[in-house]
Amino acid sequence: NDMYLKSRGKDEDRPQMGLVAQDVAKVVPEVVLHDKLGVTGMKDVLSVDYERLTALLIEAVKELNTKVDVLQKENKEIKAKLGK
């Protein structure tokens, strides 16, 4: 689930986009950070380590591209057999 956040800092006028850490933790808990000290003033704040997540996303896109290529080839072969 993408979530738009009001930015605090130099880009205050631009909406920011992020992920809900609780949702990410269900799928890839290794990239969710637990802030027990609460630098934001709140306890047990979760955040996403986007740097670590990026490598996983790149590999996932590569895998999906491979699957799309296979499906496109199969689709082309089926269309050829059907005479389309």
PDB file of N, CA and C in Angstrom:
ATOM      1  N   ASN A   1       0.837  -1.191   0.000  1.00  0.00           N
ATOM      2  CA  ASN A   1       0.000   0.000   0.000  1.00  0.00           C
ATOM      3  C   ASN A   1       0.870   1.238   0.000  1.00  0.00           C
ATOM      4  N   ASP A   2       0.764   2.040  -1.032  1.00  0.00           N
ATOM      5  CA  ASP A   2       1.499   3.295  -1.060  1.00  0.00           C
ATOM      6  C   ASP A   2       0.775   4.299  -0.199  1.00  0.00           C
ATOM      7  N   MET A   3       1.552   5.171   0.384  1.00  0.00           N
ATOM      8  CA  MET A   3       0.972   6.158   1.272  1.00  0.00           C
ATOM      9  C   MET A   3       1.654   7.485   1.024  1.00  0.00           C
ATOM     10  N   TYR A   4       0.861   8.542   0.879  1.00  0.00           N
ATOM     11  CA  TYR A   4       1.421   9.864   0.702  1.00  0.00           C
ATOM     12  C   TYR A   4       1.555  10.522   2.058  1.00  0.00           C
ATOM     13  N   LEU A   5       2.694  11.127   2.273  1.00  0.00           N
ATOM     14  CA  LEU A   5       2.985  11.735   3.550  1.00  0.00           C
ATOM     15  C   LEU A   5       3.254  13.213   3.383  1.00  0.00           C
ATOM     16  N   LYS A   6       2.893  13.995   4.384  1.00  0.00           N
ATOM     17  CA  LYS A   6       3.256  15.406   4.379  1.00  0.00           C
ATOM     18  C   LYS A   6       4.714  15.482   4.799  1.00  0.00           C
ATOM     19  N   SER A   7       5.503  16.118   3.983  1.00  0.00           N
ATOM     20  CA  SER A   7       6.936  16.175   4.212  1.00  0.00           C
ATOM     21  C   SER A   7       7.282  17.221   5.257  1.00  0.00           C
ATOM     22  N   ARG A   8       8.311  16.916   6.007  1.00  0.00           N
ATOM     23  CA  ARG A   8       8.872  17.883   6.937  1.00  0.00           C
ATOM     24  C   ARG A   8      10.306  18.108   6.509  1.00  0.00           C
ATOM     25  N   GLY A   9      10.640  19.320   6.189  1.00  0.00           N
ATOM     26  CA  GLY A   9      12.007  19.599   5.765  1.00  0.00           C
ATOM     27  C   GLY A   9      12.028  20.422   4.501  1.00  0.00           C
ATOM     28  N   LYS A  10      13.104  20.246   3.728  1.00  0.00           N
ATOM     29  CA  LYS A  10      13.331  21.113   2.575  1.00  0.00           C
ATOM     30  C   LYS A  10      12.307  20.944   1.458  1.00  0.00           C
ATOM     31  N   ASP A  11      11.686  19.790   1.327  1.00  0.00           N
ATOM     32  CA  ASP A  11      10.709  19.549   0.259  1.00  0.00           C
ATOM     33  C   ASP A  11       9.282  19.608   0.769  1.00  0.00           C
ATOM     34  N   GLU A  12       8.988  20.519   1.674  1.00  0.00           N
ATOM     35  CA  GLU A  12       7.672  20.579   2.304  1.00  0.00           C
ATOM     36  C   GLU A  12       6.530  20.773   1.316  1.00  0.00           C
ATOM     37  N   ASP A  13       6.798  21.423   0.193  1.00  0.00           N
ATOM     38  CA  ASP A  13       5.739  21.707  -0.769  1.00  0.00           C
ATOM     39  C   ASP A  13       5.412  20.516  -1.662  1.00  0.00           C
ATOM     40  N   ARG A  14       6.263  19.521  -1.660  1.00  0.00           N
ATOM     41  CA  ARG A  14       6.060  18.359  -2.526  1.00  0.00           C
ATOM     42  C   ARG A  14       5.529  17.191  -1.716  1.00  0.00           C
ATOM     43  N   PRO A  15       4.465  16.511  -2.200  1.00  0.00           N
ATOM     44  CA  PRO A  15       3.994  15.317  -1.486  1.00  0.00           C
ATOM     45  C   PRO A  15       5.045  14.214  -1.585  1.00  0.00           C
ATOM     46  N   GLN A  16       5.163  13.453  -0.533  1.00  0.00           N
ATOM     47  CA  GLN A  16       6.119  12.356  -0.492  1.00  0.00           C
ATOM     48  C   GLN A  16       5.359  11.042  -0.553  1.00  0.00           C
ATOM     49  N   MET A  17       5.993  10.029  -1.124  1.00  0.00           N
ATOM     50  CA  MET A  17       5.362   8.725  -1.228  1.00  0.00           C
ATOM     51  C   MET A  17       6.216   7.723  -0.464  1.00  0.00           C
ATOM     52  N   GLY A  18       5.557   6.818   0.225  1.00  0.00           N
ATOM     53  CA  GLY A  18       6.298   5.801   0.953  1.00  0.00           C
ATOM     54  C   GLY A  18       5.470   4.554   1.118  1.00  0.00           C
ATOM     55  N   LEU A  19       6.014   3.614   1.841  1.00  0.00           N
ATOM     56  CA  LEU A  19       5.335   2.354   2.116  1.00  0.00           C
ATOM     57  C   LEU A  19       4.993   2.292   3.596  1.00  0.00           C
ATOM     58  N   VAL A  20       3.963   1.559   3.922  1.00  0.00           N
ATOM     59  CA  VAL A  20       3.588   1.354   5.312  1.00  0.00           C
ATOM     60  C   VAL A  20       4.471   0.233   5.851  1.00  0.00           C
ATOM     61  N   ALA A  21       5.284   0.553   6.844  1.00  0.00           N
ATOM     62  CA  ALA A  21       6.258  -0.406   7.369  1.00  0.00           C
ATOM     63  C   ALA A  21       5.593  -1.677   7.875  1.00  0.00           C
ATOM     64  N   GLN A  22       4.423  -1.565   8.465  1.00  0.00           N
ATOM     65  CA  GLN A  22       3.720  -2.744   8.970  1.00  0.00           C
ATOM     66  C   GLN A  22       3.368  -3.697   7.830  1.00  0.00           C
ATOM     67  N   ASP A  23       2.996  -3.145   6.673  1.00  0.00           N
ATOM     68  CA  ASP A  23       2.678  -3.978   5.513  1.00  0.00           C
ATOM     69  C   ASP A  23       3.939  -4.641   4.949  1.00  0.00           C
ATOM     70  N   VAL A  24       5.015  -3.869   4.881  1.00  0.00           N
ATOM     71  CA  VAL A  24       6.277  -4.404   4.370  1.00  0.00           C
ATOM     72  C   VAL A  24       6.785  -5.519   5.280  1.00  0.00           C
ATOM     73  N   ALA A  25       6.630  -5.344   6.586  1.00  0.00           N
ATOM     74  CA  ALA A  25       7.118  -6.327   7.560  1.00  0.00           C
ATOM     75  C   ALA A  25       6.473  -7.695   7.357  1.00  0.00           C
ATOM     76  N   LYS A  26       5.258  -7.727   6.839  1.00  0.00           N
ATOM     77  CA  LYS A  26       4.569  -8.993   6.596  1.00  0.00           C
ATOM     78  C   LYS A  26       5.223  -9.776   5.450  1.00  0.00           C
ATOM     79  N   VAL A  27       5.852  -9.058   4.526  1.00  0.00           N
ATOM     80  CA  VAL A  27       6.422  -9.682   3.336  1.00  0.00           C
ATOM     81  C   VAL A  27       7.946  -9.802   3.434  1.00  0.00           C
ATOM     82  N   VAL A  28       8.606  -8.728   3.852  1.00  0.00           N
ATOM     83  CA  VAL A  28      10.066  -8.692   3.933  1.00  0.00           C
ATOM     84  C   VAL A  28      10.477  -8.034   5.258  1.00  0.00           C
ATOM     85  N   PRO A  29      10.368  -8.754   6.347  1.00  0.00           N
ATOM     86  CA  PRO A  29      10.661  -8.152   7.652  1.00  0.00           C
ATOM     87  C   PRO A  29      12.108  -7.683   7.803  1.00  0.00           C
ATOM     88  N   GLU A  30      12.999  -8.223   6.984  1.00  0.00           N
ATOM     89  CA  GLU A  30      14.418  -7.854   7.079  1.00  0.00           C
ATOM     90  C   GLU A  30      14.693  -6.396   6.751  1.00  0.00           C
ATOM     91  N   VAL A  31      13.793  -5.742   6.035  1.00  0.00           N
ATOM     92  CA  VAL A  31      14.038  -4.348   5.645  1.00  0.00           C
ATOM     93  C   VAL A  31      13.269  -3.350   6.511  1.00  0.00           C
ATOM     94  N   VAL A  32      12.632  -3.842   7.563  1.00  0.00           N
ATOM     95  CA  VAL A  32      11.893  -2.956   8.467  1.00  0.00           C
ATOM     96  C   VAL A  32      12.737  -2.703   9.707  1.00  0.00           C
ATOM     97  N   LEU A  33      12.919  -1.416  10.000  1.00  0.00           N
ATOM     98  CA  LEU A  33      13.714  -1.014  11.152  1.00  0.00           C
ATOM     99  C   LEU A  33      12.788  -0.692  12.318  1.00  0.00           C
ATOM    100  N   HIS A  34      13.206  -1.071  13.509  1.00  0.00           N
ATOM    101  CA  HIS A  34      12.434  -0.806  14.721  1.00  0.00           C
ATOM    102  C   HIS A  34      13.167   0.244  15.537  1.00  0.00           C
ATOM    103  N   ASP A  35      12.538   1.393  15.718  1.00  0.00           N
ATOM    104  CA  ASP A  35      13.142   2.475  16.479  1.00  0.00           C
ATOM    105  C   ASP A  35      12.583   2.453  17.892  1.00  0.00           C
ATOM    106  N   LYS A  36      13.320   1.827  18.782  1.00  0.00           N
ATOM    107  CA  LYS A  36      12.871   1.711  20.171  1.00  0.00           C
ATOM    108  C   LYS A  36      13.053   3.019  20.933  1.00  0.00           C
ATOM    109  N   LEU A  37      13.975   3.857  20.458  1.00  0.00           N
ATOM    110  CA  LEU A  37      14.251   5.097  21.173  1.00  0.00           C
ATOM    111  C   LEU A  37      13.259   6.196  20.821  1.00  0.00           C
ATOM    112  N   GLY A  38      12.670   6.093  19.656  1.00  0.00           N
ATOM    113  CA  GLY A  38      11.670   7.075  19.257  1.00  0.00           C
ATOM    114  C   GLY A  38      12.244   8.436  18.940  1.00  0.00           C
ATOM    115  N   VAL A  39      13.098   8.507  17.921  1.00  0.00           N
ATOM    116  CA  VAL A  39      13.680   9.800  17.547  1.00  0.00           C
ATOM    117  C   VAL A  39      12.607  10.792  17.120  1.00  0.00           C
ATOM    118  N   THR A  40      11.445  10.291  16.777  1.00  0.00           N
ATOM    119  CA  THR A  40      10.339  11.171  16.400  1.00  0.00           C
ATOM    120  C   THR A  40       9.509  11.580  17.610  1.00  0.00           C
ATOM    121  N   GLY A  41       9.916  11.101  18.768  1.00  0.00           N
ATOM    122  CA  GLY A  41       9.153  11.405  19.969  1.00  0.00           C
ATOM    123  C   GLY A  41       8.129  10.337  20.302  1.00  0.00           C
ATOM    124  N   MET A  42       8.037   9.305  19.448  1.00  0.00           N
ATOM    125  CA  MET A  42       7.097   8.212  19.682  1.00  0.00           C
ATOM    126  C   MET A  42       7.901   6.937  19.930  1.00  0.00           C
ATOM    127  N   LYS A  43       7.338   6.028  20.693  1.00  0.00           N
ATOM    128  CA  LYS A  43       8.015   4.762  20.966  1.00  0.00           C
ATOM    129  C   LYS A  43       7.640   3.714  19.922  1.00  0.00           C
ATOM    130  N   ASP A  44       8.573   2.792  19.708  1.00  0.00           N
ATOM    131  CA  ASP A  44       8.358   1.661  18.800  1.00  0.00           C
ATOM    132  C   ASP A  44       7.906   2.077  17.403  1.00  0.00           C
ATOM    133  N   VAL A  45       8.608   3.032  16.832  1.00  0.00           N
ATOM    134  CA  VAL A  45       8.310   3.493  15.482  1.00  0.00           C
ATOM    135  C   VAL A  45       8.968   2.548  14.480  1.00  0.00           C
ATOM    136  N   LEU A  46       8.223   2.155  13.452  1.00  0.00           N
ATOM    137  CA  LEU A  46       8.749   1.302  12.392  1.00  0.00           C
ATOM    138  C   LEU A  46       9.048   2.162  11.175  1.00  0.00           C
ATOM    139  N   SER A  47      10.111   1.805  10.458  1.00  0.00           N
ATOM    140  CA  SER A  47      10.422   2.493   9.213  1.00  0.00           C
ATOM    141  C   SER A  47      10.990   1.477   8.229  1.00  0.00           C
ATOM    142  N   VAL A  48      10.975   1.841   6.961  1.00  0.00           N
ATOM    143  CA  VAL A  48      11.456   0.953   5.898  1.00  0.00           C
ATOM    144  C   VAL A  48      12.856   1.390   5.491  1.00  0.00           C
ATOM    145  N   ASP A  49      13.769   0.442   5.419  1.00  0.00           N
ATOM    146  CA  ASP A  49      15.122   0.698   4.935  1.00  0.00           C
ATOM    147  C   ASP A  49      15.090   0.558   3.413  1.00  0.00           C
ATOM    148  N   TYR A  50      14.812   1.660   2.736  1.00  0.00           N
ATOM    149  CA  TYR A  50      14.628   1.630   1.281  1.00  0.00           C
ATOM    150  C   TYR A  50      15.894   1.206   0.553  1.00  0.00           C
ATOM    151  N   GLU A  51      17.041   1.502   1.110  1.00  0.00           N
ATOM    152  CA  GLU A  51      18.291   1.119   0.468  1.00  0.00           C
ATOM    153  C   GLU A  51      18.385  -0.406   0.334  1.00  0.00           C
ATOM    154  N   ARG A  52      18.031  -1.125   1.384  1.00  0.00           N
ATOM    155  CA  ARG A  52      18.058  -2.593   1.339  1.00  0.00           C
ATOM    156  C   ARG A  52      16.917  -3.134   0.480  1.00  0.00           C
ATOM    157  N   LEU A  53      15.805  -2.460   0.472  1.00  0.00           N
ATOM    158  CA  LEU A  53      14.646  -2.907  -0.293  1.00  0.00           C
ATOM    159  C   LEU A  53      14.872  -2.768  -1.796  1.00  0.00           C
ATOM    160  N   THR A  54      15.642  -1.778  -2.195  1.00  0.00           N
ATOM    161  CA  THR A  54      15.865  -1.506  -3.618  1.00  0.00           C
ATOM    162  C   THR A  54      16.454  -2.713  -4.351  1.00  0.00           C
ATOM    163  N   ALA A  55      17.442  -3.362  -3.764  1.00  0.00           N
ATOM    164  CA  ALA A  55      18.057  -4.527  -4.417  1.00  0.00           C
ATOM    165  C   ALA A  55      17.035  -5.640  -4.631  1.00  0.00           C
ATOM    166  N   LEU A  56      16.186  -5.856  -3.637  1.00  0.00           N
ATOM    167  CA  LEU A  56      15.144  -6.882  -3.781  1.00  0.00           C
ATOM    168  C   LEU A  56      14.167  -6.528  -4.893  1.00  0.00           C
ATOM    169  N   LEU A  57      13.816  -5.265  -4.973  1.00  0.00           N
ATOM    170  CA  LEU A  57      12.868  -4.830  -6.006  1.00  0.00           C
ATOM    171  C   LEU A  57      13.460  -4.971  -7.407  1.00  0.00           C
ATOM    172  N   ILE A  58      14.730  -4.654  -7.546  1.00  0.00           N
ATOM    173  CA  ILE A  58      15.389  -4.798  -8.855  1.00  0.00           C
ATOM    174  C   ILE A  58      15.379  -6.257  -9.288  1.00  0.00           C
ATOM    175  N   GLU A  59      15.699  -7.169  -8.383  1.00  0.00           N
ATOM    176  CA  GLU A  59      15.699  -8.597  -8.713  1.00  0.00           C
ATOM    177  C   GLU A  59      14.286  -9.081  -9.030  1.00  0.00           C
ATOM    178  N   ALA A  60      13.297  -8.571  -8.305  1.00  0.00           N
ATOM    179  CA  ALA A  60      11.904  -8.956  -8.569  1.00  0.00           C
ATOM    180  C   ALA A  60      11.473  -8.495  -9.960  1.00  0.00           C
ATOM    181  N   VAL A  61      11.878  -7.295 -10.358  1.00  0.00           N
ATOM    182  CA  VAL A  61      11.539  -6.792 -11.693  1.00  0.00           C
ATOM    183  C   VAL A  61      12.207  -7.654 -12.769  1.00  0.00           C
ATOM    184  N   LYS A  62      13.457  -8.026 -12.548  1.00  0.00           N
ATOM    185  CA  LYS A  62      14.147  -8.901 -13.508  1.00  0.00           C
ATOM    186  C   LYS A  62      13.405 -10.224 -13.662  1.00  0.00           C
ATOM    187  N   GLU A  63      13.002 -10.804 -12.535  1.00  0.00           N
ATOM    188  CA  GLU A  63      12.284 -12.075 -12.556  1.00  0.00           C
ATOM    189  C   GLU A  63      10.955 -11.941 -13.294  1.00  0.00           C
ATOM    190  N   LEU A  64      10.243 -10.856 -13.022  1.00  0.00           N
ATOM    191  CA  LEU A  64       8.963 -10.635 -13.696  1.00  0.00           C
ATOM    192  C   LEU A  64       9.153 -10.402 -15.190  1.00  0.00           C
ATOM    193  N   ASN A  65      10.198  -9.698 -15.567  1.00  0.00           N
ATOM    194  CA  ASN A  65      10.476  -9.482 -16.995  1.00  0.00           C
ATOM    195  C   ASN A  65      10.735 -10.803 -17.706  1.00  0.00           C
ATOM    196  N   THR A  66      11.444 -11.699 -17.059  1.00  0.00           N
ATOM    197  CA  THR A  66      11.691 -13.023 -17.641  1.00  0.00           C
ATOM    198  C   THR A  66      10.372 -13.765 -17.841  1.00  0.00           C
ATOM    199  N   LYS A  67       9.512 -13.712 -16.838  1.00  0.00           N
ATOM    200  CA  LYS A  67       8.209 -14.372 -16.945  1.00  0.00           C
ATOM    201  C   LYS A  67       7.355 -13.754 -18.044  1.00  0.00           C
ATOM    202  N   VAL A  68       7.392 -12.445 -18.172  1.00  0.00           N
ATOM    203  CA  VAL A  68       6.633 -11.760 -19.228  1.00  0.00           C
ATOM    204  C   VAL A  68       7.150 -12.188 -20.597  1.00  0.00           C
ATOM    205  N   ASP A  69       8.468 -12.276 -20.749  1.00  0.00           N
ATOM    206  CA  ASP A  69       9.050 -12.702 -22.026  1.00  0.00           C
ATOM    207  C   ASP A  69       8.555 -14.107 -22.407  1.00  0.00           C
ATOM    208  N   VAL A  70       8.541 -15.019 -21.439  1.00  0.00           N
ATOM    209  CA  VAL A  70       8.075 -16.390 -21.694  1.00  0.00           C
ATOM    210  C   VAL A  70       6.602 -16.376 -22.098  1.00  0.00           C
ATOM    211  N   LEU A  71       5.801 -15.618 -21.370  1.00  0.00           N
ATOM    212  CA  LEU A  71       4.363 -15.549 -21.684  1.00  0.00           C
ATOM    213  C   LEU A  71       4.104 -14.923 -23.052  1.00  0.00           C
ATOM    214  N   GLN A  72       4.877 -13.896 -23.403  1.00  0.00           N
ATOM    215  CA  GLN A  72       4.708 -13.280 -24.720  1.00  0.00           C
ATOM    216  C   GLN A  72       5.067 -14.265 -25.826  1.00  0.00           C
ATOM    217  N   LYS A  73       6.121 -15.040 -25.606  1.00  0.00           N
ATOM    218  CA  LYS A  73       6.514 -16.040 -26.604  1.00  0.00           C
ATOM    219  C   LYS A  73       5.421 -17.092 -26.749  1.00  0.00           C
ATOM    220  N   GLU A  74       4.899 -17.583 -25.612  1.00  0.00           N
ATOM    221  CA  GLU A  74       3.827 -18.575 -25.658  1.00  0.00           C
ATOM    222  C   GLU A  74       2.586 -18.010 -26.341  1.00  0.00           C
ATOM    223  N   ASN A  75       2.264 -16.776 -26.053  1.00  0.00           N
ATOM    224  CA  ASN A  75       1.104 -16.125 -26.660  1.00  0.00           C
ATOM    225  C   ASN A  75       1.274 -16.023 -28.172  1.00  0.00           C
ATOM    226  N   LYS A  76       2.482 -15.662 -28.599  1.00  0.00           N
ATOM    227  CA  LYS A  76       2.763 -15.560 -30.036  1.00  0.00           C
ATOM    228  C   LYS A  76       2.610 -16.920 -30.713  1.00  0.00           C
ATOM    229  N   GLU A  77       3.103 -17.981 -30.057  1.00  0.00           N
ATOM    230  CA  GLU A  77       2.998 -19.332 -30.613  1.00  0.00           C
ATOM    231  C   GLU A  77       1.547 -19.790 -30.704  1.00  0.00           C
ATOM    232  N   ILE A  78       0.764 -19.485 -29.689  1.00  0.00           N
ATOM    233  CA  ILE A  78      -0.653 -19.859 -29.694  1.00  0.00           C
ATOM    234  C   ILE A  78      -1.390 -19.124 -30.813  1.00  0.00           C
ATOM    235  N   LYS A  79      -1.100 -17.832 -30.969  1.00  0.00           N
ATOM    236  CA  LYS A  79      -1.739 -17.058 -32.043  1.00  0.00           C
ATOM    237  C   LYS A  79      -1.365 -17.618 -33.408  1.00  0.00           C
ATOM    238  N   ALA A  80      -0.111 -18.037 -33.559  1.00  0.00           N
ATOM    239  CA  ALA A  80       0.331 -18.599 -34.840  1.00  0.00           C
ATOM    240  C   ALA A  80      -0.415 -19.894 -35.153  1.00  0.00           C
ATOM    241  N   LYS A  81      -0.629 -20.713 -34.115  1.00  0.00           N
ATOM    242  CA  LYS A  81      -1.353 -21.972 -34.311  1.00  0.00           C
ATOM    243  C   LYS A  81      -2.813 -21.719 -34.657  1.00  0.00           C
ATOM    244  N   LEU A  82      -3.375 -20.645 -34.116  1.00  0.00           N
ATOM    245  CA  LEU A  82      -4.764 -20.304 -34.392  1.00  0.00           C
ATOM    246  C   LEU A  82      -4.925 -19.540 -35.699  1.00  0.00           C
ATOM    247  N   GLY A  83      -3.796 -19.177 -36.315  1.00  0.00           N
ATOM    248  CA  GLY A  83      -3.852 -18.478 -37.587  1.00  0.00           C
ATOM    249  C   GLY A  83      -4.169 -17.003 -37.462  1.00  0.00           C
ATOM    250  N   LYS A  84      -3.791 -16.424 -36.363  1.00  0.00           N
ATOM    251  CA  LYS A  84      -4.054 -14.976 -36.181  1.00  0.00           C
ATOM    252  C   LYS A  84      -2.802 -14.178 -36.323  1.00  0.00           C
TER     253      LYS A  84
END
